Amino acid sequence: MDEKRDEKPQQYAFQSLNYSLSAGYLILPFEYKDYNQTNLNIYAELLGGQNLDWEYEKYYLDLAPSLQLIFKSTSKLNLGYRFQLKSDIYRNMKSSWMVSYEYIFLNALKKKNAK
């Protein structure tokens, strides 16, 4: 049974290498004073992937610029647009919008002092 399975051509990639490079720049406030300020950043990610075991579709490279608001240094609101720079991989969508919200729970599991 395994011999028959091995004779069929491979239909999917099972091994891949994914990578990203990101950078941001503070737009507002012009002068950073404390953690309670709301920050506006421009942010960009270069996202790539390469199939290691699939000869028909090998790679993609995308760029995802976004605007990022940071509130009191504990939460982030991102609005971005991801699009394909170069690729030989078939995808349903070559570009997409992204909206995300993240909140960081600082000291959420803080231990109480024993008395």
N, C-alpha and C. Protein backbone atom coordinates (compact mmCIF):
# COMPACT_ATOMS: atom_id res chain seq x y z
N MET A 1 0.82 -1.20 0.00
CA MET A 1 0.00 0.00 0.00
C MET A 1 0.87 1.27 0.00
N ASP A 2 1.95 1.27 0.76
CA ASP A 2 2.83 2.43 0.78
C ASP A 2 3.50 2.64 -0.57
N GLU A 3 3.77 1.57 -1.29
CA GLU A 3 4.40 1.71 -2.61
C GLU A 3 3.49 2.44 -3.58
N LYS A 4 2.18 2.18 -3.54
CA LYS A 4 1.23 2.87 -4.41
C LYS A 4 1.17 4.36 -4.07
N ARG A 5 1.19 4.67 -2.80
CA ARG A 5 1.15 6.07 -2.38
C ARG A 5 2.40 6.80 -2.86
N ASP A 6 3.53 6.14 -2.82
CA ASP A 6 4.78 6.76 -3.26
C ASP A 6 4.81 7.01 -4.76
N GLU A 7 4.04 6.25 -5.54
CA GLU A 7 4.03 6.41 -6.99
C GLU A 7 3.24 7.64 -7.43
N LYS A 8 2.30 8.10 -6.64
CA LYS A 8 1.49 9.26 -7.01
C LYS A 8 2.32 10.53 -6.89
N PRO A 9 2.10 11.48 -7.80
CA PRO A 9 2.84 12.75 -7.66
C PRO A 9 2.39 13.51 -6.42
N GLN A 10 3.32 14.20 -5.82
CA GLN A 10 3.03 14.99 -4.62
C GLN A 10 2.11 16.15 -4.99
N GLN A 11 1.05 16.38 -4.20
CA GLN A 11 0.08 17.42 -4.51
C GLN A 11 0.28 18.70 -3.70
N TYR A 12 1.01 18.63 -2.61
CA TYR A 12 1.15 19.78 -1.72
C TYR A 12 2.59 19.90 -1.23
N ALA A 13 2.94 21.10 -0.82
CA ALA A 13 4.23 21.33 -0.18
C ALA A 13 4.08 21.03 1.30
N PHE A 14 5.02 20.30 1.86
CA PHE A 14 4.96 19.94 3.27
C PHE A 14 6.06 20.61 4.08
N GLN A 15 7.07 21.13 3.42
CA GLN A 15 8.16 21.80 4.12
C GLN A 15 8.34 23.20 3.54
N SER A 16 8.43 24.18 4.43
CA SER A 16 8.61 25.55 3.96
C SER A 16 9.46 26.34 4.95
N LEU A 17 10.01 27.40 4.46
CA LEU A 17 10.77 28.34 5.27
C LEU A 17 10.06 29.68 5.16
N ASN A 18 9.66 30.25 6.29
CA ASN A 18 8.97 31.54 6.32
C ASN A 18 9.84 32.54 7.07
N TYR A 19 9.83 33.78 6.62
CA TYR A 19 10.66 34.80 7.25
C TYR A 19 9.96 36.15 7.17
N SER A 20 10.37 37.05 8.06
CA SER A 20 9.80 38.40 8.06
C SER A 20 10.85 39.39 8.58
N LEU A 21 10.72 40.61 8.10
CA LEU A 21 11.54 41.72 8.55
C LEU A 21 10.60 42.89 8.75
N SER A 22 10.66 43.52 9.92
CA SER A 22 9.72 44.61 10.19
C SER A 22 10.45 45.81 10.80
N ALA A 23 9.85 46.98 10.56
CA ALA A 23 10.40 48.22 11.11
C ALA A 23 9.27 49.23 11.24
N GLY A 24 9.40 50.10 12.24
CA GLY A 24 8.40 51.13 12.45
C GLY A 24 9.06 52.47 12.74
N TYR A 25 8.27 53.54 12.59
CA TYR A 25 8.78 54.88 12.83
C TYR A 25 7.70 55.70 13.52
N LEU A 26 8.07 56.36 14.61
CA LEU A 26 7.14 57.18 15.38
C LEU A 26 6.83 58.48 14.62
N ILE A 27 5.55 58.71 14.34
CA ILE A 27 5.10 59.93 13.66
C ILE A 27 4.65 60.97 14.68
N LEU A 28 3.76 60.58 15.59
CA LEU A 28 3.24 61.46 16.63
C LEU A 28 3.31 60.75 17.97
N PRO A 29 3.57 61.37 19.06
CA PRO A 29 3.85 62.79 19.25
C PRO A 29 5.27 63.12 18.78
N PHE A 30 5.49 64.39 18.52
CA PHE A 30 6.81 64.83 18.07
C PHE A 30 7.85 64.65 19.17
N GLU A 31 7.40 64.81 20.41
CA GLU A 31 8.29 64.63 21.56
C GLU A 31 7.67 63.60 22.48
N TYR A 32 8.37 62.51 22.70
CA TYR A 32 7.87 61.42 23.53
C TYR A 32 8.16 61.76 25.00
N LYS A 33 7.10 61.79 25.84
CA LYS A 33 7.27 62.19 27.24
C LYS A 33 7.08 61.05 28.22
N ASP A 34 6.01 60.27 28.05
CA ASP A 34 5.75 59.19 29.01
C ASP A 34 4.94 58.07 28.35
N TYR A 35 4.73 57.01 29.13
CA TYR A 35 4.03 55.82 28.63
C TYR A 35 2.54 56.03 28.41
N ASN A 36 1.97 57.08 28.97
CA ASN A 36 0.53 57.30 28.84
C ASN A 36 0.13 58.01 27.54
N GLN A 37 1.09 58.44 26.77
CA GLN A 37 0.78 59.10 25.50
C GLN A 37 0.28 58.09 24.47
N THR A 38 -0.56 58.57 23.56
CA THR A 38 -0.96 57.77 22.41
C THR A 38 0.05 58.04 21.30
N ASN A 39 0.56 56.97 20.71
CA ASN A 39 1.55 57.09 19.65
C ASN A 39 0.94 56.70 18.31
N LEU A 40 1.35 57.38 17.26
CA LEU A 40 1.00 57.01 15.90
C LEU A 40 2.29 56.64 15.19
N ASN A 41 2.35 55.41 14.69
CA ASN A 41 3.54 54.92 14.00
C ASN A 41 3.19 54.51 12.58
N ILE A 42 4.16 54.63 11.67
CA ILE A 42 4.05 53.92 10.41
C ILE A 42 4.91 52.68 10.57
N TYR A 43 4.47 51.61 9.99
CA TYR A 43 5.06 50.31 10.26
C TYR A 43 5.04 49.51 8.96
N ALA A 44 6.07 48.76 8.69
CA ALA A 44 6.10 47.94 7.48
C ALA A 44 6.71 46.58 7.79
N GLU A 45 6.16 45.56 7.16
CA GLU A 45 6.69 44.21 7.27
C GLU A 45 6.96 43.68 5.87
N LEU A 46 8.09 43.04 5.72
CA LEU A 46 8.43 42.31 4.51
C LEU A 46 8.27 40.84 4.87
N LEU A 47 7.34 40.15 4.22
CA LEU A 47 7.00 38.77 4.57
C LEU A 47 7.31 37.85 3.40
N GLY A 48 8.00 36.77 3.68
CA GLY A 48 8.36 35.86 2.60
C GLY A 48 8.24 34.42 3.02
N GLY A 49 8.17 33.57 2.03
CA GLY A 49 8.12 32.14 2.27
C GLY A 49 8.66 31.39 1.07
N GLN A 50 9.23 30.23 1.34
CA GLN A 50 9.76 29.40 0.27
C GLN A 50 9.44 27.95 0.56
N ASN A 51 8.85 27.28 -0.43
CA ASN A 51 8.59 25.85 -0.32
C ASN A 51 9.89 25.11 -0.57
N LEU A 52 10.22 24.19 0.31
CA LEU A 52 11.49 23.47 0.20
C LEU A 52 11.36 22.16 -0.56
N ASP A 53 10.16 21.62 -0.65
CA ASP A 53 10.00 20.30 -1.26
C ASP A 53 8.95 20.28 -2.37
N TRP A 54 8.71 21.40 -3.02
CA TRP A 54 7.67 21.48 -4.04
C TRP A 54 8.24 22.24 -5.22
N GLU A 55 8.42 21.59 -6.33
CA GLU A 55 9.12 22.21 -7.46
C GLU A 55 8.26 23.14 -8.30
N TYR A 56 6.93 23.07 -8.17
CA TYR A 56 6.05 23.84 -9.05
C TYR A 56 5.78 25.25 -8.53
N GLU A 57 5.64 25.40 -7.26
CA GLU A 57 5.41 26.71 -6.64
C GLU A 57 6.47 26.88 -5.56
N LYS A 58 7.35 27.84 -5.73
CA LYS A 58 8.52 27.89 -4.85
C LYS A 58 8.52 29.01 -3.82
N TYR A 59 8.03 30.21 -4.14
CA TYR A 59 8.26 31.31 -3.20
C TYR A 59 7.20 32.40 -3.33
N TYR A 60 7.14 33.25 -2.30
CA TYR A 60 6.38 34.49 -2.35
C TYR A 60 7.11 35.55 -1.53
N LEU A 61 6.88 36.80 -1.88
CA LEU A 61 7.43 37.93 -1.13
C LEU A 61 6.37 39.02 -1.11
N ASP A 62 5.93 39.40 0.09
CA ASP A 62 4.87 40.39 0.27
C ASP A 62 5.38 41.58 1.06
N LEU A 63 4.72 42.71 0.88
CA LEU A 63 4.98 43.90 1.68
C LEU A 63 3.68 44.28 2.37
N ALA A 64 3.77 44.64 3.65
CA ALA A 64 2.58 44.99 4.43
C ALA A 64 2.82 46.29 5.21
N PRO A 65 2.59 47.45 4.58
CA PRO A 65 2.67 48.70 5.32
C PRO A 65 1.41 48.91 6.16
N SER A 66 1.55 49.61 7.28
CA SER A 66 0.38 49.83 8.13
C SER A 66 0.55 51.08 8.99
N LEU A 67 -0.56 51.53 9.53
CA LEU A 67 -0.58 52.57 10.56
C LEU A 67 -0.86 51.88 11.88
N GLN A 68 -0.21 52.33 12.91
CA GLN A 68 -0.32 51.68 14.21
C GLN A 68 -0.53 52.75 15.28
N LEU A 69 -1.59 52.59 16.06
CA LEU A 69 -1.83 53.44 17.22
C LEU A 69 -1.51 52.63 18.47
N ILE A 70 -0.72 53.21 19.36
CA ILE A 70 -0.40 52.55 20.63
C ILE A 70 -0.95 53.42 21.75
N PHE A 71 -1.79 52.80 22.59
CA PHE A 71 -2.46 53.51 23.68
C PHE A 71 -1.84 53.10 25.02
N LYS A 72 -1.33 54.07 25.76
CA LYS A 72 -0.76 53.87 27.11
C LYS A 72 0.26 52.73 27.15
N SER A 73 0.91 52.47 26.07
CA SER A 73 1.96 51.44 25.95
C SER A 73 1.45 50.05 26.30
N THR A 74 0.14 49.84 26.33
CA THR A 74 -0.38 48.50 26.65
C THR A 74 -1.29 47.93 25.57
N SER A 75 -1.75 48.75 24.64
CA SER A 75 -2.63 48.21 23.59
C SER A 75 -2.28 48.82 22.24
N LYS A 76 -2.53 48.04 21.19
CA LYS A 76 -2.20 48.44 19.83
C LYS A 76 -3.39 48.25 18.91
N LEU A 77 -3.60 49.21 18.03
CA LEU A 77 -4.59 49.10 16.97
C LEU A 77 -3.84 49.26 15.65
N ASN A 78 -3.92 48.25 14.80
CA ASN A 78 -3.21 48.25 13.52
C ASN A 78 -4.20 48.27 12.37
N LEU A 79 -3.89 49.04 11.35
CA LEU A 79 -4.64 49.04 10.10
C LEU A 79 -3.62 48.97 8.98
N GLY A 80 -3.67 47.88 8.22
CA GLY A 80 -2.66 47.69 7.19
C GLY A 80 -3.19 47.06 5.93
N TYR A 81 -2.33 47.03 4.93
CA TYR A 81 -2.66 46.47 3.63
C TYR A 81 -1.48 45.61 3.19
N ARG A 82 -1.73 44.34 2.95
CA ARG A 82 -0.68 43.41 2.52
C ARG A 82 -0.85 43.12 1.04
N PHE A 83 0.25 43.20 0.30
CA PHE A 83 0.18 42.91 -1.13
C PHE A 83 1.44 42.18 -1.59
N GLN A 84 1.28 41.48 -2.69
CA GLN A 84 2.33 40.65 -3.24
C GLN A 84 3.33 41.51 -4.01
N LEU A 85 4.62 41.31 -3.72
CA LEU A 85 5.67 41.95 -4.51
C LEU A 85 6.11 41.04 -5.64
N LYS A 86 6.31 39.76 -5.30
CA LYS A 86 6.77 38.79 -6.29
C LYS A 86 6.39 37.40 -5.80
N SER A 87 6.03 36.53 -6.73
CA SER A 87 5.61 35.19 -6.32
C SER A 87 5.44 34.28 -7.53
N ASP A 88 5.62 33.00 -7.32
CA ASP A 88 5.21 32.02 -8.32
C ASP A 88 4.23 31.01 -7.71
N ILE A 89 3.64 31.39 -6.57
CA ILE A 89 2.68 30.54 -5.86
C ILE A 89 1.27 31.00 -6.17
N TYR A 90 0.39 30.05 -6.47
CA TYR A 90 -1.02 30.38 -6.69
C TYR A 90 -1.66 30.66 -5.34
N ARG A 91 -2.37 31.79 -5.23
CA ARG A 91 -3.08 32.14 -4.00
C ARG A 91 -4.46 32.66 -4.38
N ASN A 92 -5.41 32.48 -3.49
CA ASN A 92 -6.76 32.99 -3.73
C ASN A 92 -6.78 34.51 -3.79
N MET A 93 -5.99 35.16 -2.94
CA MET A 93 -5.92 36.62 -2.91
C MET A 93 -4.46 37.05 -2.88
N LYS A 94 -4.11 37.99 -3.73
CA LYS A 94 -2.74 38.50 -3.76
C LYS A 94 -2.58 39.74 -2.89
N SER A 95 -3.69 40.23 -2.35
CA SER A 95 -3.63 41.38 -1.45
C SER A 95 -4.79 41.28 -0.46
N SER A 96 -4.62 41.95 0.69
CA SER A 96 -5.68 41.91 1.70
C SER A 96 -5.50 43.07 2.67
N TRP A 97 -6.61 43.48 3.29
CA TRP A 97 -6.61 44.48 4.36
C TRP A 97 -6.51 43.77 5.69
N MET A 98 -5.89 44.41 6.66
CA MET A 98 -5.75 43.81 7.97
C MET A 98 -6.09 44.84 9.04
N VAL A 99 -6.95 44.46 9.97
CA VAL A 99 -7.26 45.27 11.14
C VAL A 99 -7.04 44.37 12.35
N SER A 100 -6.27 44.84 13.32
CA SER A 100 -6.06 44.02 14.52
C SER A 100 -5.98 44.91 15.75
N TYR A 101 -6.30 44.31 16.89
CA TYR A 101 -6.21 44.99 18.18
C TYR A 101 -5.54 44.03 19.14
N GLU A 102 -4.55 44.51 19.88
CA GLU A 102 -3.84 43.70 20.86
C GLU A 102 -3.80 44.45 22.18
N TYR A 103 -3.92 43.69 23.26
CA TYR A 103 -3.81 44.27 24.59
C TYR A 103 -2.83 43.44 25.40
N ILE A 104 -1.92 44.08 26.08
CA ILE A 104 -0.92 43.40 26.89
C ILE A 104 -1.36 43.48 28.35
N PHE A 105 -1.50 42.33 28.99
CA PHE A 105 -1.87 42.27 30.40
C PHE A 105 -0.58 42.25 31.22
N LEU A 106 -0.14 43.43 31.67
CA LEU A 106 1.08 43.52 32.46
C LEU A 106 0.80 43.10 33.90
N ASN A 107 1.63 42.24 34.42
CA ASN A 107 1.52 41.74 35.80
C ASN A 107 0.17 41.08 36.07
N ALA A 108 -0.41 40.44 35.09
CA ALA A 108 -1.71 39.79 35.27
C ALA A 108 -1.61 38.61 36.23
N LEU A 109 -0.48 37.95 36.26
CA LEU A 109 -0.29 36.80 37.13
C LEU A 109 0.70 37.12 38.25
N LYS A 110 0.66 38.33 38.72
CA LYS A 110 1.58 38.79 39.76
C LYS A 110 1.31 38.04 41.06
N LYS A 111 2.38 37.57 41.69
CA LYS A 111 2.26 36.86 42.96
C LYS A 111 2.04 37.85 44.09
N LYS A 112 1.19 37.47 45.02
CA LYS A 112 0.96 38.30 46.20
C LYS A 112 2.08 38.04 47.20
N ASN A 113 2.49 39.08 47.90
CA ASN A 113 3.54 38.94 48.91
C ASN A 113 3.02 38.15 50.10
N ALA A 114 3.80 37.16 50.52
CA ALA A 114 3.44 36.38 51.70
C ALA A 114 3.81 37.17 52.95
N LYS A 115 2.88 37.24 53.92
CA LYS A 115 3.14 37.99 55.15
C LYS A 115 3.20 37.08 56.33
